[in-house]
Amino acid sequence: MNEIDLKADFDDLLSTPRPLESLDSLIWKSLTSAADQAGHPWKEAAVATLRIPSHASQNPCPEIRTIILRRVDEGPRTIDFHTDLRSPKVDQIRHAGDPSPISWLFYDSASKIQLRLSGAATVISGEAAQAAWESVPEPARDNYRSVAAPGTIHAGDDPPPDDQRLVQPSEDSDSEDSDAGRRWFCVVRTTVTAADWLYLRRGGHVRASVNYSANGRAISRWVMP
């Protein structure tokens, strides 16, 4: 699904007699396509977690970053991204409770369609994340071979070179170099509980909300944009 298709699909939906009845299905169809296709406009998303300060005098602060949508399962309404187990976002999720509140933001500037998702996130690591690790291309596995945790301050005027930044496999190691970061790899899985869809359409903006009940039922409503 390309940028034109995303706009066309939602335009087609809005031209039907009762678009609200099929909106949830199209949202999840679009998310599934985004997880499977590198060039999809919703492949990259922003994810927000809550940083809880260690000092009582400080206020909690939301932190947002861009991630890559890796997997979508429409049945249980779960969406995944991959990250380093040592990253601050993992600490924030675990500190807030596992599962933890989390928010996602998708936006396509070509079609001007925005999707916000909220839900509960859990961290999957170790053997439970093995299947996901095997799906990671070898060049991308370097992302998990950092000697220091993500966010660690590096002293120096230049960025650290790879031979200092990445764990180097030992000469007598029988394991593949690409597996050097396996222990730091994890999946963050969100069970989506609500969606907010906004189309900044010429001729009139359109917005709808979808809430998911505990039994899996989707309740869709039009919302003032």
N, C-alpha and C. Protein backbone atom coordinates (compact mmCIF):
# COMPACT_ATOMS: atom_id res chain seq x y z
N MET A 1 0.85 -1.20 0.00
CA MET A 1 0.00 0.00 0.00
C MET A 1 0.88 1.24 0.00
N ASN A 2 0.75 2.13 -1.00
CA ASN A 2 1.56 3.33 -1.04
C ASN A 2 0.76 4.52 -0.51
N GLU A 3 1.37 5.73 -0.61
CA GLU A 3 0.72 6.91 -0.05
C GLU A 3 -0.62 7.20 -0.73
N ILE A 4 -0.66 7.04 -2.06
CA ILE A 4 -1.90 7.31 -2.78
C ILE A 4 -2.98 6.31 -2.37
N ASP A 5 -2.60 5.06 -2.19
CA ASP A 5 -3.57 4.04 -1.80
C ASP A 5 -4.17 4.32 -0.43
N LEU A 6 -3.35 4.81 0.50
CA LEU A 6 -3.86 5.10 1.84
C LEU A 6 -4.97 6.14 1.76
N LYS A 7 -4.75 7.19 1.00
CA LYS A 7 -5.78 8.22 0.83
C LYS A 7 -6.99 7.65 0.09
N ALA A 8 -6.72 6.91 -0.98
CA ALA A 8 -7.82 6.36 -1.78
C ALA A 8 -8.69 5.41 -0.99
N ASP A 9 -8.07 4.58 -0.16
CA ASP A 9 -8.84 3.62 0.63
C ASP A 9 -9.80 4.31 1.59
N PHE A 10 -9.31 5.35 2.25
CA PHE A 10 -10.19 6.04 3.20
C PHE A 10 -11.22 6.91 2.47
N ASP A 11 -10.86 7.43 1.29
CA ASP A 11 -11.86 8.15 0.50
C ASP A 11 -12.98 7.20 0.07
N ASP A 12 -12.58 6.01 -0.35
CA ASP A 12 -13.58 5.01 -0.74
C ASP A 12 -14.49 4.65 0.43
N LEU A 13 -13.87 4.51 1.61
CA LEU A 13 -14.67 4.19 2.79
C LEU A 13 -15.70 5.26 3.07
N LEU A 14 -15.28 6.53 2.98
CA LEU A 14 -16.19 7.63 3.30
C LEU A 14 -17.30 7.79 2.26
N SER A 15 -17.12 7.17 1.12
CA SER A 15 -18.16 7.26 0.08
C SER A 15 -19.24 6.19 0.25
N THR A 16 -19.06 5.27 1.19
CA THR A 16 -20.05 4.22 1.41
C THR A 16 -21.18 4.74 2.30
N PRO A 17 -22.34 4.06 2.31
CA PRO A 17 -23.50 4.56 3.09
C PRO A 17 -23.23 4.62 4.59
N ARG A 18 -22.49 3.65 5.14
CA ARG A 18 -22.25 3.62 6.59
C ARG A 18 -20.75 3.38 6.85
N PRO A 19 -19.93 4.39 6.62
CA PRO A 19 -18.47 4.21 6.74
C PRO A 19 -18.00 3.85 8.14
N LEU A 20 -18.73 4.28 9.15
CA LEU A 20 -18.30 4.01 10.52
C LEU A 20 -18.26 2.51 10.82
N GLU A 21 -19.09 1.74 10.12
CA GLU A 21 -19.15 0.30 10.37
C GLU A 21 -17.88 -0.42 9.93
N SER A 22 -17.17 0.14 8.95
CA SER A 22 -15.97 -0.52 8.41
C SER A 22 -14.68 0.21 8.73
N LEU A 23 -14.77 1.31 9.48
CA LEU A 23 -13.59 2.10 9.76
C LEU A 23 -12.54 1.31 10.53
N ASP A 24 -12.94 0.61 11.57
CA ASP A 24 -11.99 -0.14 12.38
C ASP A 24 -11.26 -1.19 11.54
N SER A 25 -11.99 -1.88 10.70
CA SER A 25 -11.38 -2.89 9.85
C SER A 25 -10.33 -2.29 8.92
N LEU A 26 -10.63 -1.12 8.33
CA LEU A 26 -9.68 -0.49 7.43
C LEU A 26 -8.45 0.03 8.17
N ILE A 27 -8.65 0.52 9.38
CA ILE A 27 -7.50 0.96 10.19
C ILE A 27 -6.53 -0.20 10.40
N TRP A 28 -7.04 -1.36 10.77
CA TRP A 28 -6.17 -2.49 11.05
C TRP A 28 -5.59 -3.09 9.77
N LYS A 29 -6.32 -3.02 8.68
CA LYS A 29 -5.77 -3.44 7.40
C LYS A 29 -4.58 -2.55 7.02
N SER A 30 -4.72 -1.25 7.25
CA SER A 30 -3.65 -0.30 6.94
C SER A 30 -2.44 -0.51 7.84
N LEU A 31 -2.67 -0.77 9.12
CA LEU A 31 -1.57 -1.04 10.04
C LEU A 31 -0.83 -2.32 9.65
N THR A 32 -1.56 -3.35 9.27
CA THR A 32 -0.93 -4.61 8.86
C THR A 32 -0.06 -4.39 7.63
N SER A 33 -0.54 -3.61 6.68
CA SER A 33 0.25 -3.29 5.50
C SER A 33 1.50 -2.50 5.87
N ALA A 34 1.36 -1.59 6.83
CA ALA A 34 2.51 -0.79 7.27
C ALA A 34 3.59 -1.66 7.89
N ALA A 35 3.19 -2.65 8.66
CA ALA A 35 4.18 -3.54 9.28
C ALA A 35 4.90 -4.38 8.24
N ASP A 36 4.23 -4.69 7.14
CA ASP A 36 4.79 -5.59 6.13
C ASP A 36 5.55 -4.88 5.01
N GLN A 37 5.31 -3.56 4.83
CA GLN A 37 5.89 -2.86 3.69
C GLN A 37 6.77 -1.70 4.15
N ALA A 38 8.03 -1.73 3.69
CA ALA A 38 9.01 -0.73 4.13
C ALA A 38 8.63 0.70 3.73
N GLY A 39 7.98 0.88 2.58
CA GLY A 39 7.67 2.22 2.11
C GLY A 39 6.33 2.76 2.54
N HIS A 40 5.64 2.04 3.39
CA HIS A 40 4.31 2.50 3.82
C HIS A 40 4.43 3.75 4.69
N PRO A 41 3.52 4.74 4.51
CA PRO A 41 3.63 5.97 5.29
C PRO A 41 3.43 5.79 6.79
N TRP A 42 2.83 4.69 7.21
CA TRP A 42 2.69 4.43 8.64
C TRP A 42 3.74 3.46 9.17
N LYS A 43 4.77 3.18 8.38
CA LYS A 43 5.83 2.27 8.85
C LYS A 43 6.57 2.88 10.05
N GLU A 44 6.80 4.18 10.00
CA GLU A 44 7.43 4.88 11.12
C GLU A 44 6.34 5.55 11.95
N ALA A 45 6.51 5.47 13.25
CA ALA A 45 5.53 6.06 14.16
C ALA A 45 6.26 6.71 15.33
N ALA A 46 5.56 7.56 16.03
CA ALA A 46 6.09 8.14 17.27
C ALA A 46 5.43 7.41 18.44
N VAL A 47 6.23 7.08 19.44
CA VAL A 47 5.73 6.38 20.63
C VAL A 47 6.09 7.20 21.87
N ALA A 48 5.10 7.38 22.74
CA ALA A 48 5.31 8.15 23.96
C ALA A 48 5.15 7.26 25.19
N THR A 49 6.11 7.38 26.09
CA THR A 49 6.04 6.72 27.39
C THR A 49 6.19 7.78 28.48
N LEU A 50 6.00 7.39 29.71
CA LEU A 50 6.06 8.35 30.81
C LEU A 50 7.29 8.09 31.67
N ARG A 51 8.14 9.12 31.77
CA ARG A 51 9.32 9.02 32.63
C ARG A 51 8.94 9.44 34.04
N ILE A 52 9.09 8.52 34.97
CA ILE A 52 8.81 8.79 36.38
C ILE A 52 10.11 9.21 37.06
N PRO A 53 10.23 10.44 37.55
CA PRO A 53 11.48 10.89 38.16
C PRO A 53 11.77 10.15 39.46
N SER A 54 13.05 10.03 39.76
CA SER A 54 13.46 9.36 41.00
C SER A 54 13.27 10.25 42.21
N HIS A 55 13.26 11.55 42.00
CA HIS A 55 13.13 12.49 43.11
C HIS A 55 11.67 12.94 43.22
N ALA A 56 11.14 12.96 44.41
CA ALA A 56 9.72 13.27 44.64
C ALA A 56 9.37 14.70 44.25
N SER A 57 10.35 15.61 44.23
CA SER A 57 10.06 17.01 43.92
C SER A 57 9.91 17.24 42.42
N GLN A 58 10.23 16.26 41.60
CA GLN A 58 10.13 16.41 40.15
C GLN A 58 8.83 15.78 39.64
N ASN A 59 8.32 16.33 38.55
CA ASN A 59 7.08 15.84 37.98
C ASN A 59 7.34 14.79 36.90
N PRO A 60 6.42 13.86 36.75
CA PRO A 60 6.54 12.91 35.63
C PRO A 60 6.57 13.67 34.30
N CYS A 61 7.29 13.14 33.34
CA CYS A 61 7.45 13.82 32.06
C CYS A 61 7.28 12.83 30.92
N PRO A 62 6.42 13.12 29.95
CA PRO A 62 6.29 12.23 28.79
C PRO A 62 7.52 12.33 27.91
N GLU A 63 7.94 11.23 27.34
CA GLU A 63 9.05 11.21 26.40
C GLU A 63 8.59 10.52 25.12
N ILE A 64 8.94 11.11 23.99
CA ILE A 64 8.47 10.61 22.71
C ILE A 64 9.65 10.37 21.79
N ARG A 65 9.54 9.34 20.95
CA ARG A 65 10.60 9.02 20.00
C ARG A 65 10.01 8.30 18.79
N THR A 66 10.77 8.26 17.70
CA THR A 66 10.31 7.57 16.49
C THR A 66 10.76 6.12 16.53
N ILE A 67 9.84 5.22 16.18
CA ILE A 67 10.16 3.80 16.13
C ILE A 67 9.66 3.23 14.79
N ILE A 68 9.96 1.98 14.54
CA ILE A 68 9.51 1.28 13.34
C ILE A 68 8.47 0.23 13.74
N LEU A 69 7.33 0.29 13.09
CA LEU A 69 6.28 -0.71 13.33
C LEU A 69 6.74 -2.05 12.75
N ARG A 70 6.84 -3.08 13.60
CA ARG A 70 7.39 -4.35 13.17
C ARG A 70 6.36 -5.45 12.96
N ARG A 71 5.32 -5.46 13.76
CA ARG A 71 4.36 -6.56 13.67
C ARG A 71 2.99 -6.10 14.14
N VAL A 72 1.95 -6.59 13.46
CA VAL A 72 0.57 -6.27 13.80
C VAL A 72 -0.22 -7.57 13.84
N ASP A 73 -1.02 -7.74 14.88
CA ASP A 73 -1.91 -8.89 14.98
C ASP A 73 -3.31 -8.36 15.27
N GLU A 74 -4.15 -8.37 14.25
CA GLU A 74 -5.46 -7.75 14.38
C GLU A 74 -6.35 -8.48 15.38
N GLY A 75 -6.20 -9.81 15.50
CA GLY A 75 -7.06 -10.57 16.41
C GLY A 75 -7.04 -10.04 17.84
N PRO A 76 -5.88 -10.08 18.50
CA PRO A 76 -5.80 -9.54 19.86
C PRO A 76 -5.53 -8.03 19.90
N ARG A 77 -5.43 -7.42 18.69
CA ARG A 77 -5.15 -5.98 18.55
C ARG A 77 -3.83 -5.61 19.23
N THR A 78 -2.77 -6.26 18.80
CA THR A 78 -1.44 -5.95 19.32
C THR A 78 -0.55 -5.43 18.20
N ILE A 79 0.35 -4.52 18.56
CA ILE A 79 1.34 -3.97 17.63
C ILE A 79 2.69 -3.95 18.34
N ASP A 80 3.76 -4.22 17.57
CA ASP A 80 5.09 -4.38 18.16
C ASP A 80 6.11 -3.41 17.57
N PHE A 81 7.08 -3.04 18.39
CA PHE A 81 8.33 -2.47 17.89
C PHE A 81 9.48 -3.14 18.63
N HIS A 82 10.68 -3.04 18.05
CA HIS A 82 11.87 -3.64 18.64
C HIS A 82 12.74 -2.56 19.26
N THR A 83 13.45 -2.89 20.31
CA THR A 83 14.35 -1.92 20.92
C THR A 83 15.41 -2.64 21.75
N ASP A 84 16.34 -1.85 22.28
CA ASP A 84 17.40 -2.36 23.15
C ASP A 84 16.84 -2.49 24.57
N LEU A 85 17.08 -3.63 25.18
CA LEU A 85 16.55 -3.90 26.52
C LEU A 85 17.06 -2.89 27.54
N ARG A 86 18.19 -2.24 27.25
CA ARG A 86 18.79 -1.28 28.19
C ARG A 86 18.28 0.14 27.96
N SER A 87 17.42 0.36 26.99
CA SER A 87 17.00 1.71 26.64
C SER A 87 16.11 2.31 27.71
N PRO A 88 16.11 3.65 27.83
CA PRO A 88 15.25 4.31 28.84
C PRO A 88 13.78 3.99 28.67
N LYS A 89 13.30 3.81 27.44
CA LYS A 89 11.88 3.54 27.26
C LYS A 89 11.47 2.22 27.90
N VAL A 90 12.38 1.23 27.88
CA VAL A 90 12.08 -0.04 28.54
C VAL A 90 12.00 0.16 30.05
N ASP A 91 12.93 0.92 30.61
CA ASP A 91 12.88 1.23 32.04
C ASP A 91 11.59 1.95 32.40
N GLN A 92 11.17 2.89 31.54
CA GLN A 92 9.95 3.65 31.81
C GLN A 92 8.72 2.75 31.79
N ILE A 93 8.67 1.84 30.84
CA ILE A 93 7.54 0.92 30.76
C ILE A 93 7.49 0.03 32.00
N ARG A 94 8.63 -0.50 32.38
CA ARG A 94 8.66 -1.40 33.53
C ARG A 94 8.42 -0.66 34.84
N HIS A 95 8.89 0.58 34.91
CA HIS A 95 8.71 1.35 36.15
C HIS A 95 7.25 1.72 36.34
N ALA A 96 6.56 1.97 35.21
CA ALA A 96 5.15 2.37 35.29
C ALA A 96 4.23 1.17 35.47
N GLY A 97 4.80 -0.04 35.42
CA GLY A 97 4.00 -1.25 35.53
C GLY A 97 3.98 -1.98 34.22
N ASP A 98 4.12 -3.27 34.26
CA ASP A 98 4.17 -4.07 33.04
C ASP A 98 2.94 -4.98 33.00
N PRO A 99 1.85 -4.64 32.27
CA PRO A 99 1.81 -3.65 31.19
C PRO A 99 1.74 -2.21 31.68
N SER A 100 2.16 -1.32 30.78
CA SER A 100 2.28 0.10 31.11
C SER A 100 1.54 0.95 30.08
N PRO A 101 0.99 2.09 30.49
CA PRO A 101 0.34 2.98 29.51
C PRO A 101 1.32 3.43 28.43
N ILE A 102 0.85 3.48 27.19
CA ILE A 102 1.70 3.89 26.08
C ILE A 102 0.81 4.50 25.00
N SER A 103 1.39 5.42 24.21
CA SER A 103 0.65 6.05 23.11
C SER A 103 1.48 6.00 21.83
N TRP A 104 0.79 5.78 20.72
CA TRP A 104 1.40 5.76 19.39
C TRP A 104 0.80 6.86 18.53
N LEU A 105 1.62 7.43 17.62
CA LEU A 105 1.14 8.42 16.67
C LEU A 105 1.66 8.08 15.28
N PHE A 106 0.73 7.90 14.34
CA PHE A 106 1.05 7.70 12.93
C PHE A 106 0.53 8.90 12.15
N TYR A 107 1.32 9.38 11.18
CA TYR A 107 0.84 10.49 10.36
C TYR A 107 1.41 10.37 8.96
N ASP A 108 0.55 10.54 7.98
CA ASP A 108 0.96 10.53 6.58
C ASP A 108 0.76 11.94 6.04
N SER A 109 1.86 12.65 5.74
CA SER A 109 1.75 14.04 5.29
C SER A 109 1.14 14.14 3.89
N ALA A 110 1.26 13.09 3.08
CA ALA A 110 0.71 13.14 1.72
C ALA A 110 -0.82 13.11 1.74
N SER A 111 -1.38 12.22 2.53
CA SER A 111 -2.84 12.12 2.60
C SER A 111 -3.44 12.96 3.72
N LYS A 112 -2.57 13.40 4.65
CA LYS A 112 -2.99 14.15 5.84
C LYS A 112 -3.95 13.32 6.71
N ILE A 113 -3.59 12.05 6.85
CA ILE A 113 -4.35 11.15 7.71
C ILE A 113 -3.51 10.83 8.94
N GLN A 114 -4.08 11.03 10.09
CA GLN A 114 -3.40 10.79 11.37
C GLN A 114 -4.14 9.69 12.13
N LEU A 115 -3.35 8.86 12.81
CA LEU A 115 -3.93 7.82 13.67
C LEU A 115 -3.20 7.84 15.00
N ARG A 116 -3.95 7.96 16.07
CA ARG A 116 -3.39 7.86 17.43
C ARG A 116 -3.93 6.60 18.09
N LEU A 117 -3.04 5.85 18.70
CA LEU A 117 -3.43 4.63 19.40
C LEU A 117 -2.96 4.71 20.84
N SER A 118 -3.78 4.25 21.75
CA SER A 118 -3.37 4.15 23.16
C SER A 118 -3.63 2.72 23.62
N GLY A 119 -2.83 2.31 24.61
CA GLY A 119 -2.99 0.95 25.09
C GLY A 119 -2.03 0.64 26.22
N ALA A 120 -1.78 -0.65 26.40
CA ALA A 120 -0.91 -1.12 27.48
C ALA A 120 0.25 -1.88 26.86
N ALA A 121 1.47 -1.53 27.27
CA ALA A 121 2.68 -2.11 26.70
C ALA A 121 3.32 -3.10 27.66
N THR A 122 3.90 -4.14 27.09
CA THR A 122 4.66 -5.10 27.86
C THR A 122 5.96 -5.40 27.13
N VAL A 123 7.00 -5.75 27.87
CA VAL A 123 8.33 -6.01 27.31
C VAL A 123 8.54 -7.52 27.20
N ILE A 124 8.93 -7.96 26.01
CA ILE A 124 9.17 -9.37 25.75
C ILE A 124 10.65 -9.55 25.41
N SER A 125 11.35 -10.37 26.17
CA SER A 125 12.78 -10.55 25.95
C SER A 125 13.16 -12.02 26.14
N GLY A 126 14.45 -12.30 26.01
CA GLY A 126 14.94 -13.67 26.22
C GLY A 126 14.38 -14.62 25.17
N GLU A 127 14.13 -15.85 25.59
CA GLU A 127 13.65 -16.88 24.67
C GLU A 127 12.30 -16.50 24.04
N ALA A 128 11.49 -15.76 24.77
CA ALA A 128 10.18 -15.37 24.25
C ALA A 128 10.29 -14.44 23.04
N ALA A 129 11.46 -13.80 22.88
CA ALA A 129 11.67 -12.88 21.76
C ALA A 129 12.51 -13.51 20.65
N GLN A 130 12.82 -14.79 20.76
CA GLN A 130 13.71 -15.44 19.80
C GLN A 130 13.17 -15.38 18.37
N ALA A 131 11.89 -15.67 18.19
CA ALA A 131 11.32 -15.65 16.84
C ALA A 131 11.42 -14.27 16.21
N ALA A 132 11.19 -13.23 17.01
CA ALA A 132 11.31 -11.86 16.50
C ALA A 132 12.76 -11.55 16.14
N TRP A 133 13.71 -12.00 16.96
CA TRP A 133 15.13 -11.78 16.67
C TRP A 133 15.53 -12.41 15.35
N GLU A 134 15.02 -13.58 15.07
CA GLU A 134 15.36 -14.27 13.83
C GLU A 134 14.82 -13.54 12.61
N SER A 135 13.84 -12.68 12.80
CA SER A 135 13.30 -11.90 11.68
C SER A 135 14.09 -10.63 11.42
N VAL A 136 15.03 -10.28 12.29
CA VAL A 136 15.81 -9.05 12.14
C VAL A 136 16.93 -9.28 11.12
N PRO A 137 17.02 -8.50 10.06
CA PRO A 137 18.11 -8.67 9.09
C PRO A 137 19.47 -8.48 9.75
N GLU A 138 20.47 -9.18 9.27
CA GLU A 138 21.78 -9.13 9.90
C GLU A 138 22.35 -7.71 10.02
N PRO A 139 22.27 -6.85 9.00
CA PRO A 139 22.80 -5.49 9.18
C PRO A 139 22.13 -4.74 10.33
N ALA A 140 20.84 -4.99 10.54
CA ALA A 140 20.11 -4.28 11.60
C ALA A 140 20.46 -4.80 12.98
N ARG A 141 21.08 -5.97 13.07
CA ARG A 141 21.43 -6.53 14.37
C ARG A 141 22.55 -5.75 15.05
N ASP A 142 23.28 -4.95 14.27
CA ASP A 142 24.31 -4.10 14.86
C ASP A 142 23.72 -3.10 15.84
N ASN A 143 22.43 -2.79 15.67
CA ASN A 143 21.78 -1.82 16.56
C ASN A 143 21.77 -2.28 18.01
N TYR A 144 22.00 -3.56 18.24
CA TYR A 144 21.92 -4.12 19.60
C TYR A 144 23.29 -4.54 20.13
N ARG A 145 24.36 -4.15 19.41
CA ARG A 145 25.71 -4.53 19.83
C ARG A 145 26.45 -3.39 20.52
N SER A 146 25.72 -2.36 20.94
CA SER A 146 26.37 -1.23 21.59
C SER A 146 26.99 -1.66 22.92
N VAL A 147 28.23 -1.22 23.16
CA VAL A 147 28.92 -1.53 24.42
C VAL A 147 28.17 -0.92 25.60
N ALA A 148 27.76 0.32 25.43
CA ALA A 148 27.05 1.04 26.50
C ALA A 148 25.56 1.11 26.17
N ALA A 149 24.78 1.34 27.19
CA ALA A 149 23.33 1.45 27.01
C ALA A 149 22.98 2.68 26.18
N PRO A 150 21.91 2.62 25.40
CA PRO A 150 21.46 3.81 24.66
C PRO A 150 21.24 4.99 25.61
N GLY A 151 21.69 6.15 25.19
CA GLY A 151 21.56 7.35 26.01
C GLY A 151 22.78 7.64 26.87
N THR A 152 23.76 6.73 26.91
CA THR A 152 24.97 6.95 27.69
C THR A 152 25.79 8.09 27.09
N ILE A 153 26.26 8.99 27.93
CA ILE A 153 27.06 10.13 27.46
C ILE A 153 28.42 9.64 26.96
N HIS A 154 28.82 10.15 25.80
CA HIS A 154 30.13 9.83 25.24
C HIS A 154 31.03 11.05 25.31
N ALA A 155 32.18 10.93 25.97
CA ALA A 155 33.12 12.03 26.08
C ALA A 155 33.95 12.12 24.80
N GLY A 156 33.99 13.30 24.22
CA GLY A 156 34.76 13.48 22.99
C GLY A 156 34.07 14.44 22.06
N ASP A 157 34.85 14.97 21.10
CA ASP A 157 34.31 15.93 20.15
C ASP A 157 33.61 15.27 18.97
N ASP A 158 33.88 14.00 18.74
CA ASP A 158 33.30 13.29 17.61
C ASP A 158 32.46 12.11 18.09
N PRO A 159 31.52 11.66 17.29
CA PRO A 159 30.75 10.47 17.66
C PRO A 159 31.69 9.28 17.81
N PRO A 160 31.36 8.32 18.69
CA PRO A 160 32.23 7.16 18.87
C PRO A 160 32.26 6.30 17.60
N PRO A 161 33.45 5.88 17.15
CA PRO A 161 33.53 5.00 15.98
C PRO A 161 32.99 3.62 16.33
N ASP A 162 32.61 2.86 15.30
CA ASP A 162 32.00 1.55 15.52
C ASP A 162 32.90 0.60 16.29
N ASP A 163 34.23 0.70 16.08
CA ASP A 163 35.12 -0.24 16.77
C ASP A 163 35.19 0.04 18.26
N GLN A 164 34.73 1.24 18.68
CA GLN A 164 34.64 1.54 20.10
C GLN A 164 33.19 1.42 20.61
N ARG A 165 32.26 1.66 19.73
CA ARG A 165 30.85 1.68 20.12
C ARG A 165 30.24 0.30 20.21
N LEU A 166 30.66 -0.62 19.33
CA LEU A 166 30.03 -1.92 19.25
C LEU A 166 30.87 -3.02 19.89
N VAL A 167 30.19 -3.98 20.49
CA VAL A 167 30.86 -5.16 21.03
C VAL A 167 31.50 -5.91 19.87
N GLN A 168 32.78 -6.22 20.01
CA GLN A 168 33.50 -6.94 18.96
C GLN A 168 33.58 -8.42 19.34
N PRO A 169 33.18 -9.30 18.43
CA PRO A 169 33.27 -10.74 18.74
C PRO A 169 34.70 -11.18 18.93
N SER A 170 34.91 -12.11 19.85
CA SER A 170 36.26 -12.62 20.09
C SER A 170 36.72 -13.46 18.93
N GLU A 171 38.04 -13.54 18.72
CA GLU A 171 38.58 -14.26 17.57
C GLU A 171 38.30 -15.75 17.63
N ASP A 172 38.19 -16.30 18.85
CA ASP A 172 37.97 -17.73 18.97
C ASP A 172 36.50 -18.08 19.16
N SER A 173 35.63 -17.08 18.94
CA SER A 173 34.19 -17.33 19.13
C SER A 173 33.64 -18.14 17.96
N ASP A 174 32.80 -19.12 18.28
CA ASP A 174 32.15 -19.92 17.24
C ASP A 174 30.80 -19.34 16.83
N SER A 175 30.31 -18.36 17.60
CA SER A 175 28.99 -17.79 17.31
C SER A 175 29.10 -16.78 16.18
N GLU A 176 28.00 -16.59 15.48
CA GLU A 176 27.97 -15.62 14.41
C GLU A 176 28.09 -14.21 14.97
N ASP A 177 28.82 -13.36 14.22
CA ASP A 177 28.99 -11.99 14.67
C ASP A 177 27.65 -11.29 14.88
N SER A 178 26.68 -11.61 14.03
CA SER A 178 25.39 -10.92 14.09
C SER A 178 24.61 -11.24 15.35
N ASP A 179 25.00 -12.29 16.09
CA ASP A 179 24.30 -12.66 17.31
C ASP A 179 24.88 -11.99 18.55
N ALA A 180 25.87 -11.13 18.35
CA ALA A 180 26.54 -10.52 19.50
C ALA A 180 25.60 -9.66 20.34
N GLY A 181 24.55 -9.09 19.72
CA GLY A 181 23.64 -8.23 20.47
C GLY A 181 22.35 -8.91 20.87
N ARG A 182 22.29 -10.22 20.72
CA ARG A 182 21.04 -10.95 20.97
C ARG A 182 20.50 -10.70 22.38
N ARG A 183 21.35 -10.65 23.39
CA ARG A 183 20.86 -10.55 24.77
C ARG A 183 20.22 -9.20 25.06
N TRP A 184 20.53 -8.18 24.22
CA TRP A 184 19.96 -6.86 24.48
C TRP A 184 18.72 -6.58 23.64
N PHE A 185 18.34 -7.53 22.81
CA PHE A 185 17.17 -7.34 21.94
C PHE A 185 15.88 -7.64 22.69
N CYS A 186 14.86 -6.83 22.46
CA CYS A 186 13.55 -7.11 23.05
C CYS A 186 12.44 -6.56 22.16
N VAL A 187 11.25 -7.05 22.40
CA VAL A 187 10.05 -6.59 21.71
C VAL A 187 9.18 -5.85 22.71
N VAL A 188 8.69 -4.68 22.31
CA VAL A 188 7.69 -3.98 23.11
C VAL A 188 6.35 -4.17 22.40
N ARG A 189 5.45 -4.84 23.06
CA ARG A 189 4.15 -5.17 22.47
C ARG A 189 3.05 -4.35 23.15
N THR A 190 2.25 -3.67 22.34
CA THR A 190 1.14 -2.87 22.84
C THR A 190 -0.18 -3.56 22.52
N THR A 191 -0.99 -3.73 23.53
CA THR A 191 -2.38 -4.14 23.32
C THR A 191 -3.20 -2.88 23.23
N VAL A 192 -3.73 -2.62 22.04
CA VAL A 192 -4.43 -1.35 21.79
C VAL A 192 -5.81 -1.37 22.43
N THR A 193 -6.12 -0.30 23.16
CA THR A 193 -7.42 -0.18 23.82
C THR A 193 -8.30 0.91 23.21
N ALA A 194 -7.68 1.84 22.45
CA ALA A 194 -8.45 2.91 21.83
C ALA A 194 -7.70 3.48 20.64
N ALA A 195 -8.46 3.98 19.67
CA ALA A 195 -7.88 4.60 18.48
C ALA A 195 -8.59 5.93 18.22
N ASP A 196 -7.83 6.89 17.69
CA ASP A 196 -8.40 8.17 17.29
C ASP A 196 -7.90 8.45 15.87
N TRP A 197 -8.84 8.48 14.91
CA TRP A 197 -8.51 8.63 13.50
C TRP A 197 -8.94 10.01 13.02
N LEU A 198 -8.03 10.70 12.34
CA LEU A 198 -8.30 12.05 11.86
C LEU A 198 -7.85 12.19 10.42
N TYR A 199 -8.74 12.67 9.57
CA TYR A 199 -8.45 12.89 8.16
C TYR A 199 -8.64 14.38 7.88
N LEU A 200 -7.53 15.09 7.61
CA LEU A 200 -7.60 16.52 7.30
C LEU A 200 -7.95 16.67 5.82
N ARG A 201 -9.16 16.34 5.51
CA ARG A 201 -9.63 16.25 4.13
C ARG A 201 -10.04 17.61 3.59
N ARG A 202 -9.67 17.86 2.35
CA ARG A 202 -10.16 19.07 1.69
C ARG A 202 -11.68 18.99 1.57
N GLY A 203 -12.32 20.08 1.90
CA GLY A 203 -13.77 20.07 1.86
C GLY A 203 -14.40 19.71 3.19
N GLY A 204 -13.56 19.40 4.19
CA GLY A 204 -14.10 19.10 5.51
C GLY A 204 -13.35 18.01 6.22
N HIS A 205 -12.80 18.34 7.38
CA HIS A 205 -12.07 17.35 8.16
C HIS A 205 -13.03 16.31 8.75
N VAL A 206 -12.52 15.11 8.92
CA VAL A 206 -13.32 14.01 9.45
C VAL A 206 -12.53 13.33 10.57
N ARG A 207 -13.22 13.03 11.67
CA ARG A 207 -12.55 12.38 12.81
C ARG A 207 -13.48 11.36 13.45
N ALA A 208 -12.88 10.28 13.93
CA ALA A 208 -13.66 9.24 14.61
C ALA A 208 -12.81 8.61 15.71
N SER A 209 -13.49 8.08 16.72
CA SER A 209 -12.80 7.35 17.78
C SER A 209 -13.30 5.91 17.80
N VAL A 210 -12.40 5.01 18.18
CA VAL A 210 -12.75 3.60 18.32
C VAL A 210 -12.26 3.15 19.68
N ASN A 211 -13.16 2.59 20.47
CA ASN A 211 -12.79 2.02 21.77
C ASN A 211 -13.04 0.53 21.74
N TYR A 212 -12.11 -0.22 22.36
CA TYR A 212 -12.20 -1.67 22.35
C TYR A 212 -12.55 -2.17 23.74
N SER A 213 -13.66 -2.92 23.83
CA SER A 213 -14.09 -3.46 25.11
C SER A 213 -13.26 -4.67 25.47
N ALA A 214 -13.40 -5.13 26.71
CA ALA A 214 -12.61 -6.27 27.18
C ALA A 214 -12.91 -7.54 26.39
N ASN A 215 -14.10 -7.64 25.83
CA ASN A 215 -14.46 -8.84 25.05
C ASN A 215 -14.10 -8.72 23.57
N GLY A 216 -13.37 -7.62 23.23
CA GLY A 216 -12.88 -7.46 21.86
C GLY A 216 -13.78 -6.67 20.94
N ARG A 217 -14.92 -6.22 21.43
CA ARG A 217 -15.85 -5.47 20.58
C ARG A 217 -15.33 -4.06 20.33
N ALA A 218 -15.44 -3.62 19.07
CA ALA A 218 -15.03 -2.27 18.69
C ALA A 218 -16.23 -1.35 18.68
N ILE A 219 -16.14 -0.24 19.39
CA ILE A 219 -17.23 0.74 19.45
C ILE A 219 -16.73 2.02 18.78
N SER A 220 -17.27 2.33 17.59
CA SER A 220 -16.80 3.48 16.80
C SER A 220 -17.81 4.61 16.86
N ARG A 221 -17.28 5.84 16.94
CA ARG A 221 -18.14 7.03 17.01
C ARG A 221 -17.49 8.15 16.22
N TRP A 222 -18.30 8.97 15.61
CA TRP A 222 -17.81 10.19 14.99
C TRP A 222 -17.48 11.20 16.09
N VAL A 223 -16.44 11.98 15.85
CA VAL A 223 -15.97 12.98 16.81
C VAL A 223 -15.78 14.31 16.08
N MET A 224 -16.08 15.40 16.74
CA MET A 224 -15.82 16.70 16.13
C MET A 224 -14.31 16.86 15.90
N PRO A 225 -13.88 17.18 14.68
CA PRO A 225 -12.44 17.32 14.40
C PRO A 225 -11.86 18.60 14.99
